[in-house]
Amino acid sequence: MSHTPATGFVVLVPVKQVARAQSRLAPLGDDARRSLVAAFAADTVSAALGSSAVRAVMVVTDDHELAADLRVLGVQVVPDATTDDLNESLVQAAAEAQRRWPGHGLAALCADLPALDPEDLSTALEVASRHATAFVADAAGDGTTMVAAASREDFTPRFGHGSREAHVADGLHEIVEIDVPTLRRDVDTPADLETALRLGVGVHTARAARGLRL
């Protein structure tokens, strides 16, 4: 089915409250976990802002302290309109993004991509622009780190357990024709963080991870 190619994307980044995010990093200590969650989000949005394919970045969160810190980086922030339904939150945020920046594509990006290279994101979004809907699977191959759509009507994210399979079943194009390792490297565990550090993380995560025993 033909579609009008997206001319740049608005990136939506959902961020849980720091107090309850990334529970599998708890072995590193609660203070470290909190610092890392905030750092991951800061490095993710900084990379998105640095992508030539991105026109704006909107963070979706109810963490007011984190929201204030991220606004300084140049993103806009909207409150999470739901309780625990990530996908519904993203759909509602997409409607607001379309109102603020009409005519652009939409991309939802996980907030735990501290090694994200803006060029990897640009490359993936360039491929996504050729399709009505597309996604990038995580490094493990069962989850999803990015979902992109040409319009709000096409934007139907299925983040959560088994999301790769769900996106394939929905007919989204899986972006496999390019190598974008930093876009696939989400961080849920200390082992994931160690891998991300080897790839090269942003300044916020590098600072937060300094001195940690992984």
N, C-alpha and C. Protein backbone atom coordinates (compact mmCIF):
# COMPACT_ATOMS: atom_id res chain seq x y z
N MET A 1 0.85 -1.19 0.00
CA MET A 1 0.00 0.00 0.00
C MET A 1 0.88 1.24 0.00
N SER A 2 0.58 2.19 -0.87
CA SER A 2 1.39 3.40 -0.96
C SER A 2 1.08 4.34 0.20
N HIS A 3 2.02 5.19 0.52
CA HIS A 3 1.81 6.19 1.55
C HIS A 3 2.70 7.39 1.25
N THR A 4 2.40 8.50 1.88
CA THR A 4 3.22 9.69 1.72
C THR A 4 4.41 9.59 2.66
N PRO A 5 5.64 9.61 2.14
CA PRO A 5 6.82 9.49 3.01
C PRO A 5 6.86 10.60 4.06
N ALA A 6 7.25 10.24 5.27
CA ALA A 6 7.37 11.22 6.35
C ALA A 6 8.53 12.17 6.08
N THR A 7 8.33 13.45 6.31
CA THR A 7 9.40 14.44 6.17
C THR A 7 9.89 14.82 7.56
N GLY A 8 10.68 13.97 8.13
CA GLY A 8 11.15 14.20 9.49
C GLY A 8 10.18 13.62 10.50
N PHE A 9 10.68 13.35 11.69
CA PHE A 9 9.89 12.69 12.72
C PHE A 9 9.88 13.48 14.02
N VAL A 10 8.77 13.39 14.71
CA VAL A 10 8.69 13.81 16.11
C VAL A 10 8.88 12.55 16.94
N VAL A 11 9.84 12.58 17.85
CA VAL A 11 10.16 11.40 18.65
C VAL A 11 9.50 11.52 20.02
N LEU A 12 8.79 10.48 20.40
CA LEU A 12 8.13 10.40 21.70
C LEU A 12 8.94 9.45 22.59
N VAL A 13 9.28 9.91 23.78
CA VAL A 13 10.09 9.10 24.70
C VAL A 13 9.35 8.97 26.03
N PRO A 14 8.77 7.80 26.30
CA PRO A 14 8.08 7.61 27.59
C PRO A 14 9.09 7.28 28.68
N VAL A 15 8.96 7.96 29.82
CA VAL A 15 9.91 7.73 30.92
C VAL A 15 9.11 7.49 32.21
N LYS A 16 9.33 6.33 32.81
CA LYS A 16 8.69 6.04 34.10
C LYS A 16 9.26 6.94 35.19
N GLN A 17 8.52 7.04 36.28
CA GLN A 17 9.06 7.75 37.43
C GLN A 17 10.33 7.05 37.90
N VAL A 18 11.33 7.84 38.20
CA VAL A 18 12.63 7.29 38.59
C VAL A 18 12.51 6.34 39.77
N ALA A 19 11.58 6.61 40.67
CA ALA A 19 11.44 5.81 41.89
C ALA A 19 11.09 4.36 41.60
N ARG A 20 10.47 4.09 40.43
CA ARG A 20 10.03 2.71 40.18
C ARG A 20 10.52 2.13 38.86
N ALA A 21 11.44 2.79 38.21
CA ALA A 21 11.91 2.32 36.90
C ALA A 21 13.13 1.42 37.02
N GLN A 22 13.31 0.55 36.00
CA GLN A 22 14.50 -0.29 35.86
C GLN A 22 14.80 -1.10 37.12
N SER A 23 13.82 -1.85 37.59
CA SER A 23 13.97 -2.60 38.83
C SER A 23 15.08 -3.64 38.76
N ARG A 24 15.41 -4.11 37.57
CA ARG A 24 16.45 -5.13 37.45
C ARG A 24 17.86 -4.58 37.61
N LEU A 25 17.95 -3.25 37.76
CA LEU A 25 19.25 -2.66 38.10
C LEU A 25 19.43 -2.53 39.62
N ALA A 26 18.47 -3.02 40.39
CA ALA A 26 18.52 -2.91 41.85
C ALA A 26 19.79 -3.49 42.47
N PRO A 27 20.40 -4.55 41.91
CA PRO A 27 21.63 -5.07 42.51
C PRO A 27 22.77 -4.04 42.58
N LEU A 28 22.66 -2.99 41.78
CA LEU A 28 23.69 -1.94 41.81
C LEU A 28 23.48 -0.96 42.96
N GLY A 29 22.37 -1.09 43.67
CA GLY A 29 22.03 -0.16 44.75
C GLY A 29 20.98 0.83 44.28
N ASP A 30 20.11 1.25 45.19
CA ASP A 30 18.98 2.08 44.77
C ASP A 30 19.43 3.46 44.30
N ASP A 31 20.42 4.04 44.96
CA ASP A 31 20.89 5.36 44.51
C ASP A 31 21.46 5.29 43.10
N ALA A 32 22.23 4.23 42.84
CA ALA A 32 22.81 4.06 41.51
C ALA A 32 21.71 3.82 40.49
N ARG A 33 20.74 3.00 40.85
CA ARG A 33 19.63 2.73 39.93
C ARG A 33 18.92 4.02 39.55
N ARG A 34 18.59 4.84 40.52
CA ARG A 34 17.90 6.10 40.25
C ARG A 34 18.74 7.02 39.35
N SER A 35 20.01 7.12 39.68
CA SER A 35 20.90 7.98 38.88
C SER A 35 21.00 7.47 37.45
N LEU A 36 21.06 6.16 37.29
CA LEU A 36 21.18 5.59 35.95
C LEU A 36 19.91 5.79 35.13
N VAL A 37 18.76 5.63 35.76
CA VAL A 37 17.49 5.84 35.04
C VAL A 37 17.44 7.25 34.46
N ALA A 38 17.76 8.23 35.29
CA ALA A 38 17.75 9.62 34.82
C ALA A 38 18.80 9.84 33.74
N ALA A 39 19.97 9.23 33.90
CA ALA A 39 21.05 9.40 32.93
C ALA A 39 20.69 8.75 31.60
N PHE A 40 20.09 7.55 31.65
CA PHE A 40 19.68 6.89 30.40
C PHE A 40 18.73 7.79 29.61
N ALA A 41 17.75 8.35 30.31
CA ALA A 41 16.77 9.21 29.64
C ALA A 41 17.44 10.44 29.03
N ALA A 42 18.36 11.04 29.78
CA ALA A 42 19.04 12.24 29.29
C ALA A 42 19.88 11.93 28.05
N ASP A 43 20.57 10.80 28.06
CA ASP A 43 21.40 10.45 26.91
C ASP A 43 20.55 10.03 25.71
N THR A 44 19.44 9.38 25.98
CA THR A 44 18.54 8.98 24.89
C THR A 44 17.98 10.20 24.18
N VAL A 45 17.45 11.15 24.94
CA VAL A 45 16.85 12.32 24.29
C VAL A 45 17.92 13.21 23.66
N SER A 46 19.11 13.25 24.25
CA SER A 46 20.19 14.04 23.65
C SER A 46 20.57 13.48 22.28
N ALA A 47 20.63 12.15 22.20
CA ALA A 47 20.94 11.52 20.92
C ALA A 47 19.83 11.78 19.91
N ALA A 48 18.58 11.69 20.36
CA ALA A 48 17.46 11.95 19.45
C ALA A 48 17.50 13.39 18.93
N LEU A 49 17.80 14.32 19.81
CA LEU A 49 17.90 15.72 19.39
C LEU A 49 19.02 15.93 18.39
N GLY A 50 20.03 15.08 18.43
CA GLY A 50 21.15 15.20 17.52
C GLY A 50 20.95 14.53 16.17
N SER A 51 19.82 13.86 16.00
CA SER A 51 19.54 13.16 14.75
C SER A 51 19.02 14.12 13.68
N SER A 52 19.56 14.03 12.49
CA SER A 52 19.11 14.90 11.39
C SER A 52 17.70 14.59 10.94
N ALA A 53 17.18 13.42 11.30
CA ALA A 53 15.82 13.04 10.89
C ALA A 53 14.76 13.48 11.89
N VAL A 54 15.18 14.05 13.02
CA VAL A 54 14.25 14.39 14.10
C VAL A 54 13.97 15.88 14.10
N ARG A 55 12.68 16.21 14.11
CA ARG A 55 12.27 17.61 14.14
C ARG A 55 12.00 18.11 15.55
N ALA A 56 11.59 17.21 16.45
CA ALA A 56 11.32 17.59 17.84
C ALA A 56 11.29 16.32 18.67
N VAL A 57 11.51 16.49 19.98
CA VAL A 57 11.44 15.38 20.92
C VAL A 57 10.47 15.74 22.03
N MET A 58 9.54 14.83 22.30
CA MET A 58 8.57 15.02 23.37
C MET A 58 8.70 13.87 24.37
N VAL A 59 8.95 14.21 25.62
CA VAL A 59 9.03 13.22 26.69
C VAL A 59 7.67 13.10 27.35
N VAL A 60 7.27 11.87 27.63
CA VAL A 60 6.01 11.59 28.31
C VAL A 60 6.33 11.04 29.69
N THR A 61 6.07 11.81 30.73
CA THR A 61 6.43 11.38 32.08
C THR A 61 5.62 12.12 33.13
N ASP A 62 5.48 11.47 34.28
CA ASP A 62 4.88 12.11 35.46
C ASP A 62 5.93 12.43 36.52
N ASP A 63 7.19 12.22 36.19
CA ASP A 63 8.27 12.53 37.12
C ASP A 63 8.65 14.00 36.92
N HIS A 64 8.17 14.86 37.80
CA HIS A 64 8.31 16.30 37.60
C HIS A 64 9.77 16.76 37.71
N GLU A 65 10.53 16.16 38.61
CA GLU A 65 11.93 16.55 38.76
C GLU A 65 12.72 16.17 37.51
N LEU A 66 12.49 14.95 37.03
CA LEU A 66 13.18 14.52 35.82
C LEU A 66 12.74 15.36 34.62
N ALA A 67 11.45 15.68 34.57
CA ALA A 67 10.94 16.50 33.47
C ALA A 67 11.65 17.84 33.40
N ALA A 68 11.87 18.45 34.55
CA ALA A 68 12.55 19.75 34.58
C ALA A 68 13.98 19.63 34.06
N ASP A 69 14.67 18.54 34.43
CA ASP A 69 16.04 18.34 33.96
C ASP A 69 16.08 18.12 32.46
N LEU A 70 15.11 17.38 31.93
CA LEU A 70 15.11 17.07 30.50
C LEU A 70 14.73 18.28 29.66
N ARG A 71 13.87 19.14 30.19
CA ARG A 71 13.51 20.37 29.45
C ARG A 71 14.74 21.21 29.16
N VAL A 72 15.68 21.20 30.09
CA VAL A 72 16.91 21.98 29.91
C VAL A 72 17.67 21.53 28.66
N LEU A 73 17.52 20.26 28.31
CA LEU A 73 18.21 19.71 27.15
C LEU A 73 17.57 20.13 25.83
N GLY A 74 16.33 20.63 25.90
CA GLY A 74 15.67 21.10 24.69
C GLY A 74 14.47 20.30 24.25
N VAL A 75 13.99 19.41 25.11
CA VAL A 75 12.80 18.63 24.76
C VAL A 75 11.56 19.29 25.35
N GLN A 76 10.41 18.92 24.81
CA GLN A 76 9.15 19.29 25.42
C GLN A 76 8.63 18.11 26.22
N VAL A 77 7.86 18.39 27.25
CA VAL A 77 7.39 17.34 28.15
C VAL A 77 5.88 17.44 28.31
N VAL A 78 5.21 16.28 28.25
CA VAL A 78 3.79 16.21 28.54
C VAL A 78 3.58 15.16 29.63
N PRO A 79 2.57 15.33 30.47
CA PRO A 79 2.32 14.34 31.52
C PRO A 79 1.79 13.04 30.94
N ASP A 80 2.06 11.96 31.66
CA ASP A 80 1.52 10.66 31.27
C ASP A 80 0.02 10.67 31.57
N ALA A 81 -0.79 10.49 30.53
CA ALA A 81 -2.24 10.63 30.68
C ALA A 81 -2.91 9.37 31.22
N THR A 82 -2.15 8.26 31.35
CA THR A 82 -2.74 7.02 31.84
C THR A 82 -1.96 6.54 33.06
N THR A 83 -2.37 5.40 33.60
CA THR A 83 -1.69 4.87 34.77
C THR A 83 -0.55 3.95 34.37
N ASP A 84 -0.87 2.76 33.86
CA ASP A 84 0.17 1.79 33.53
C ASP A 84 0.14 1.32 32.09
N ASP A 85 -0.68 1.93 31.26
CA ASP A 85 -0.78 1.50 29.86
C ASP A 85 0.15 2.34 29.00
N LEU A 86 1.36 1.82 28.79
CA LEU A 86 2.37 2.55 28.03
C LEU A 86 1.89 2.88 26.62
N ASN A 87 1.30 1.90 25.96
CA ASN A 87 0.89 2.12 24.58
C ASN A 87 -0.22 3.15 24.46
N GLU A 88 -1.15 3.15 25.38
CA GLU A 88 -2.21 4.16 25.36
C GLU A 88 -1.63 5.55 25.64
N SER A 89 -0.65 5.62 26.54
CA SER A 89 0.02 6.90 26.79
C SER A 89 0.67 7.44 25.53
N LEU A 90 1.31 6.55 24.78
CA LEU A 90 1.98 6.97 23.56
C LEU A 90 0.99 7.41 22.49
N VAL A 91 -0.14 6.72 22.39
CA VAL A 91 -1.15 7.10 21.40
C VAL A 91 -1.70 8.49 21.73
N GLN A 92 -1.94 8.77 23.01
CA GLN A 92 -2.44 10.09 23.38
C GLN A 92 -1.36 11.16 23.17
N ALA A 93 -0.11 10.82 23.47
CA ALA A 93 0.98 11.77 23.23
C ALA A 93 1.14 12.03 21.73
N ALA A 94 0.91 11.01 20.92
CA ALA A 94 1.02 11.18 19.47
C ALA A 94 0.00 12.18 18.95
N ALA A 95 -1.20 12.17 19.52
CA ALA A 95 -2.21 13.13 19.11
C ALA A 95 -1.77 14.56 19.44
N GLU A 96 -1.15 14.73 20.61
CA GLU A 96 -0.66 16.05 20.99
C GLU A 96 0.52 16.46 20.11
N ALA A 97 1.38 15.51 19.78
CA ALA A 97 2.52 15.81 18.91
C ALA A 97 2.05 16.23 17.53
N GLN A 98 1.02 15.56 17.02
CA GLN A 98 0.50 15.93 15.71
C GLN A 98 -0.10 17.34 15.74
N ARG A 99 -0.70 17.69 16.87
CA ARG A 99 -1.27 19.03 16.99
C ARG A 99 -0.16 20.09 17.00
N ARG A 100 0.93 19.81 17.69
CA ARG A 100 2.02 20.78 17.81
C ARG A 100 2.89 20.84 16.55
N TRP A 101 3.11 19.67 15.95
CA TRP A 101 4.01 19.60 14.78
C TRP A 101 3.32 18.83 13.66
N PRO A 102 2.35 19.41 13.03
CA PRO A 102 1.61 18.70 11.98
C PRO A 102 2.50 18.39 10.77
N GLY A 103 2.19 17.29 10.13
CA GLY A 103 2.87 16.96 8.89
C GLY A 103 4.12 16.13 9.02
N HIS A 104 4.48 15.75 10.24
CA HIS A 104 5.68 14.94 10.44
C HIS A 104 5.30 13.52 10.86
N GLY A 105 6.23 12.60 10.65
CA GLY A 105 6.03 11.25 11.13
C GLY A 105 6.20 11.19 12.64
N LEU A 106 5.86 10.05 13.22
CA LEU A 106 5.94 9.84 14.66
C LEU A 106 6.82 8.63 14.95
N ALA A 107 7.64 8.74 15.96
CA ALA A 107 8.48 7.61 16.37
C ALA A 107 8.49 7.54 17.89
N ALA A 108 8.22 6.37 18.43
CA ALA A 108 8.32 6.14 19.87
C ALA A 108 9.64 5.43 20.14
N LEU A 109 10.36 5.94 21.13
CA LEU A 109 11.71 5.46 21.41
C LEU A 109 11.82 5.10 22.89
N CYS A 110 12.37 3.93 23.18
CA CYS A 110 12.60 3.57 24.57
C CYS A 110 13.55 4.57 25.23
N ALA A 111 13.38 4.77 26.53
CA ALA A 111 14.18 5.76 27.24
C ALA A 111 15.46 5.20 27.83
N ASP A 112 15.72 3.91 27.56
CA ASP A 112 16.91 3.28 28.16
C ASP A 112 17.89 2.87 27.08
N LEU A 113 18.26 3.86 26.24
CA LEU A 113 19.21 3.63 25.16
C LEU A 113 20.43 4.56 25.34
N PRO A 114 21.19 4.36 26.40
CA PRO A 114 22.26 5.32 26.73
C PRO A 114 23.41 5.36 25.73
N ALA A 115 23.54 4.31 24.90
CA ALA A 115 24.61 4.29 23.91
C ALA A 115 24.15 4.77 22.54
N LEU A 116 22.92 5.24 22.45
CA LEU A 116 22.34 5.59 21.15
C LEU A 116 23.19 6.61 20.40
N ASP A 117 23.52 6.26 19.16
CA ASP A 117 24.25 7.15 18.26
C ASP A 117 23.22 7.86 17.38
N PRO A 118 23.25 9.19 17.31
CA PRO A 118 22.29 9.91 16.47
C PRO A 118 22.27 9.42 15.03
N GLU A 119 23.42 8.98 14.52
CA GLU A 119 23.46 8.50 13.14
C GLU A 119 22.71 7.18 12.98
N ASP A 120 22.78 6.31 13.99
CA ASP A 120 22.00 5.07 13.94
C ASP A 120 20.51 5.39 13.90
N LEU A 121 20.09 6.35 14.72
CA LEU A 121 18.68 6.73 14.72
C LEU A 121 18.28 7.35 13.38
N SER A 122 19.12 8.21 12.84
CA SER A 122 18.83 8.83 11.54
C SER A 122 18.69 7.78 10.45
N THR A 123 19.58 6.81 10.46
CA THR A 123 19.55 5.76 9.45
C THR A 123 18.27 4.93 9.56
N ALA A 124 17.91 4.58 10.78
CA ALA A 124 16.69 3.79 10.98
C ALA A 124 15.45 4.58 10.58
N LEU A 125 15.40 5.86 10.90
CA LEU A 125 14.24 6.67 10.54
C LEU A 125 14.17 6.91 9.03
N GLU A 126 15.32 6.95 8.38
CA GLU A 126 15.30 7.08 6.92
C GLU A 126 14.66 5.85 6.29
N VAL A 127 14.99 4.67 6.81
CA VAL A 127 14.34 3.44 6.34
C VAL A 127 12.86 3.46 6.70
N ALA A 128 12.55 3.87 7.92
CA ALA A 128 11.15 3.91 8.36
C ALA A 128 10.30 4.83 7.49
N SER A 129 10.89 5.90 6.97
CA SER A 129 10.14 6.86 6.18
C SER A 129 9.61 6.26 4.88
N ARG A 130 10.15 5.12 4.47
CA ARG A 130 9.69 4.45 3.25
C ARG A 130 8.47 3.58 3.49
N HIS A 131 8.07 3.46 4.75
CA HIS A 131 6.97 2.55 5.10
C HIS A 131 5.93 3.29 5.93
N ALA A 132 4.71 2.82 5.86
CA ALA A 132 3.66 3.42 6.69
C ALA A 132 3.96 3.21 8.16
N THR A 133 4.48 2.03 8.49
CA THR A 133 4.85 1.70 9.87
C THR A 133 6.09 0.82 9.86
N ALA A 134 6.93 0.98 10.86
CA ALA A 134 8.16 0.20 10.94
C ALA A 134 8.61 0.14 12.39
N PHE A 135 9.49 -0.83 12.68
CA PHE A 135 10.01 -0.93 14.05
C PHE A 135 11.40 -1.53 14.04
N VAL A 136 12.09 -1.32 15.17
CA VAL A 136 13.41 -1.90 15.39
C VAL A 136 13.32 -2.80 16.62
N ALA A 137 13.74 -4.04 16.47
CA ALA A 137 13.76 -4.96 17.60
C ALA A 137 14.98 -4.72 18.47
N ASP A 138 14.88 -5.13 19.72
CA ASP A 138 16.02 -4.98 20.62
C ASP A 138 17.08 -6.04 20.34
N ALA A 139 18.20 -5.93 21.02
CA ALA A 139 19.33 -6.83 20.78
C ALA A 139 18.97 -8.27 21.12
N ALA A 140 18.07 -8.49 22.06
CA ALA A 140 17.66 -9.84 22.44
C ALA A 140 16.78 -10.48 21.38
N GLY A 141 16.12 -9.65 20.56
CA GLY A 141 15.31 -10.17 19.47
C GLY A 141 13.87 -10.45 19.80
N ASP A 142 13.42 -10.14 21.02
CA ASP A 142 12.02 -10.36 21.35
C ASP A 142 11.28 -9.08 21.72
N GLY A 143 12.02 -8.04 22.02
CA GLY A 143 11.40 -6.75 22.38
C GLY A 143 11.55 -5.74 21.26
N THR A 144 11.22 -4.50 21.57
CA THR A 144 11.22 -3.41 20.58
C THR A 144 11.83 -2.17 21.22
N THR A 145 12.68 -1.48 20.47
CA THR A 145 13.24 -0.23 20.97
C THR A 145 12.67 1.00 20.27
N MET A 146 12.16 0.82 19.05
CA MET A 146 11.59 1.96 18.32
C MET A 146 10.43 1.52 17.45
N VAL A 147 9.38 2.32 17.43
CA VAL A 147 8.26 2.14 16.51
C VAL A 147 8.04 3.46 15.80
N ALA A 148 7.92 3.43 14.48
CA ALA A 148 7.74 4.65 13.70
C ALA A 148 6.53 4.51 12.79
N ALA A 149 5.86 5.63 12.53
CA ALA A 149 4.69 5.63 11.66
C ALA A 149 4.64 6.94 10.90
N ALA A 150 4.07 6.88 9.70
CA ALA A 150 3.98 8.07 8.86
C ALA A 150 2.94 9.06 9.38
N SER A 151 1.97 8.57 10.16
CA SER A 151 0.91 9.44 10.65
C SER A 151 0.36 8.89 11.96
N ARG A 152 -0.43 9.72 12.65
CA ARG A 152 -1.04 9.26 13.91
C ARG A 152 -1.99 8.09 13.66
N GLU A 153 -2.66 8.10 12.53
CA GLU A 153 -3.61 7.03 12.23
C GLU A 153 -2.91 5.68 12.08
N ASP A 154 -1.65 5.72 11.62
CA ASP A 154 -0.88 4.48 11.47
C ASP A 154 -0.15 4.07 12.74
N PHE A 155 -0.12 4.94 13.73
CA PHE A 155 0.71 4.74 14.92
C PHE A 155 -0.01 3.85 15.93
N THR A 156 0.39 2.58 15.99
CA THR A 156 -0.23 1.63 16.91
C THR A 156 0.86 0.82 17.62
N PRO A 157 1.56 1.41 18.57
CA PRO A 157 2.65 0.70 19.24
C PRO A 157 2.14 -0.46 20.08
N ARG A 158 2.97 -1.49 20.20
CA ARG A 158 2.64 -2.67 20.99
C ARG A 158 3.80 -3.01 21.93
N PHE A 159 4.36 -1.99 22.58
CA PHE A 159 5.44 -2.24 23.52
C PHE A 159 4.96 -3.15 24.65
N GLY A 160 5.88 -3.93 25.19
CA GLY A 160 5.55 -4.86 26.25
C GLY A 160 6.11 -6.23 25.95
N HIS A 161 5.76 -7.20 26.75
CA HIS A 161 6.27 -8.56 26.57
C HIS A 161 5.93 -9.09 25.17
N GLY A 162 6.95 -9.62 24.48
CA GLY A 162 6.72 -10.17 23.15
C GLY A 162 6.37 -9.14 22.10
N SER A 163 6.87 -7.90 22.26
CA SER A 163 6.44 -6.82 21.36
C SER A 163 6.93 -7.03 19.93
N ARG A 164 8.08 -7.63 19.74
CA ARG A 164 8.54 -7.85 18.36
C ARG A 164 7.53 -8.70 17.61
N GLU A 165 7.13 -9.79 18.21
CA GLU A 165 6.15 -10.68 17.56
C GLU A 165 4.83 -9.95 17.31
N ALA A 166 4.42 -9.12 18.27
CA ALA A 166 3.16 -8.38 18.11
C ALA A 166 3.26 -7.38 16.95
N HIS A 167 4.39 -6.71 16.82
CA HIS A 167 4.55 -5.74 15.74
C HIS A 167 4.61 -6.44 14.38
N VAL A 168 5.26 -7.58 14.32
CA VAL A 168 5.29 -8.35 13.08
C VAL A 168 3.87 -8.78 12.71
N ALA A 169 3.12 -9.27 13.70
CA ALA A 169 1.76 -9.73 13.45
C ALA A 169 0.86 -8.60 12.96
N ASP A 170 1.14 -7.38 13.41
CA ASP A 170 0.36 -6.22 12.99
C ASP A 170 0.76 -5.71 11.60
N GLY A 171 1.80 -6.29 11.03
CA GLY A 171 2.21 -5.91 9.69
C GLY A 171 3.21 -4.78 9.60
N LEU A 172 3.83 -4.40 10.72
CA LEU A 172 4.87 -3.37 10.67
C LEU A 172 6.12 -3.92 9.98
N HIS A 173 6.79 -3.07 9.24
CA HIS A 173 8.04 -3.47 8.61
C HIS A 173 9.13 -3.55 9.67
N GLU A 174 9.78 -4.70 9.78
CA GLU A 174 10.89 -4.82 10.73
C GLU A 174 12.17 -4.35 10.05
N ILE A 175 12.83 -3.39 10.65
CA ILE A 175 14.04 -2.82 10.06
C ILE A 175 15.22 -3.74 10.38
N VAL A 176 15.58 -4.54 9.40
CA VAL A 176 16.69 -5.48 9.56
C VAL A 176 17.74 -5.29 8.46
N GLU A 177 17.47 -4.41 7.51
CA GLU A 177 18.36 -4.27 6.36
C GLU A 177 19.55 -3.35 6.63
N ILE A 178 19.64 -2.82 7.84
CA ILE A 178 20.74 -1.94 8.22
C ILE A 178 21.28 -2.37 9.58
N ASP A 179 22.50 -1.94 9.88
CA ASP A 179 23.13 -2.27 11.16
C ASP A 179 23.06 -1.05 12.06
N VAL A 180 22.23 -1.13 13.09
CA VAL A 180 22.09 0.00 14.03
C VAL A 180 22.22 -0.52 15.47
N PRO A 181 23.40 -0.98 15.84
CA PRO A 181 23.56 -1.66 17.14
C PRO A 181 23.23 -0.79 18.34
N THR A 182 23.51 0.51 18.26
CA THR A 182 23.25 1.35 19.43
C THR A 182 21.76 1.61 19.63
N LEU A 183 20.98 1.47 18.57
CA LEU A 183 19.53 1.61 18.68
C LEU A 183 18.89 0.35 19.24
N ARG A 184 19.57 -0.75 19.13
CA ARG A 184 19.03 -2.03 19.64
C ARG A 184 19.43 -2.29 21.09
N ARG A 185 20.39 -1.53 21.62
CA ARG A 185 20.96 -1.84 22.93
C ARG A 185 20.24 -1.11 24.05
N ASP A 186 19.06 -1.63 24.43
CA ASP A 186 18.40 -1.10 25.61
C ASP A 186 19.05 -1.71 26.84
N VAL A 187 18.85 -1.08 27.98
CA VAL A 187 19.53 -1.52 29.20
C VAL A 187 18.50 -1.82 30.29
N ASP A 188 18.41 -3.11 30.62
CA ASP A 188 17.52 -3.56 31.68
C ASP A 188 18.28 -4.12 32.88
N THR A 189 19.48 -4.63 32.63
CA THR A 189 20.24 -5.34 33.66
C THR A 189 21.67 -4.79 33.74
N PRO A 190 22.39 -5.11 34.81
CA PRO A 190 23.81 -4.72 34.87
C PRO A 190 24.61 -5.25 33.69
N ALA A 191 24.30 -6.46 33.21
CA ALA A 191 25.02 -7.00 32.05
C ALA A 191 24.75 -6.16 30.81
N ASP A 192 23.50 -5.71 30.65
CA ASP A 192 23.17 -4.84 29.52
C ASP A 192 23.96 -3.54 29.60
N LEU A 193 24.08 -3.01 30.81
CA LEU A 193 24.82 -1.77 31.00
C LEU A 193 26.28 -1.95 30.63
N GLU A 194 26.85 -3.08 31.01
CA GLU A 194 28.24 -3.35 30.67
C GLU A 194 28.43 -3.37 29.15
N THR A 195 27.47 -3.98 28.44
CA THR A 195 27.54 -4.00 26.98
C THR A 195 27.42 -2.60 26.41
N ALA A 196 26.50 -1.81 26.95
CA ALA A 196 26.32 -0.44 26.48
C ALA A 196 27.58 0.39 26.70
N LEU A 197 28.22 0.19 27.84
CA LEU A 197 29.45 0.93 28.12
C LEU A 197 30.54 0.60 27.11
N ARG A 198 30.58 -0.65 26.67
CA ARG A 198 31.56 -1.03 25.65
C ARG A 198 31.23 -0.38 24.31
N LEU A 199 29.95 -0.21 24.00
CA LEU A 199 29.56 0.47 22.77
C LEU A 199 29.93 1.95 22.82
N GLY A 200 29.84 2.51 24.04
CA GLY A 200 30.11 3.94 24.22
C GLY A 200 28.85 4.70 24.56
N VAL A 201 28.70 5.06 25.82
CA VAL A 201 27.49 5.73 26.28
C VAL A 201 27.65 7.24 26.27
N GLY A 202 26.52 7.93 26.47
CA GLY A 202 26.54 9.38 26.55
C GLY A 202 27.16 9.88 27.85
N VAL A 203 27.33 11.18 27.94
CA VAL A 203 28.05 11.76 29.08
C VAL A 203 27.31 11.56 30.40
N HIS A 204 25.99 11.58 30.36
CA HIS A 204 25.22 11.44 31.60
C HIS A 204 25.38 10.04 32.19
N THR A 205 25.29 9.02 31.33
CA THR A 205 25.44 7.65 31.81
C THR A 205 26.87 7.36 32.21
N ALA A 206 27.81 7.88 31.46
CA ALA A 206 29.23 7.69 31.82
C ALA A 206 29.49 8.21 33.23
N ARG A 207 28.91 9.37 33.53
CA ARG A 207 29.08 9.95 34.86
C ARG A 207 28.39 9.09 35.93
N ALA A 208 27.16 8.65 35.65
CA ALA A 208 26.40 7.88 36.63
C ALA A 208 26.99 6.50 36.86
N ALA A 209 27.66 5.94 35.85
CA ALA A 209 28.21 4.59 35.96
C ALA A 209 29.63 4.57 36.54
N ARG A 210 30.21 5.75 36.70
CA ARG A 210 31.59 5.81 37.20
C ARG A 210 31.70 5.18 38.59
N GLY A 211 32.59 4.23 38.71
CA GLY A 211 32.81 3.61 40.02
C GLY A 211 31.95 2.41 40.32
N LEU A 212 30.99 2.09 39.44
CA LEU A 212 30.14 0.94 39.67
C LEU A 212 30.91 -0.35 39.40
N ARG A 213 30.59 -1.40 40.16
CA ARG A 213 31.18 -2.70 39.94
C ARG A 213 30.19 -3.54 39.15
N LEU A 214 30.50 -3.80 37.90
CA LEU A 214 29.60 -4.53 37.01
C LEU A 214 30.12 -5.95 36.76
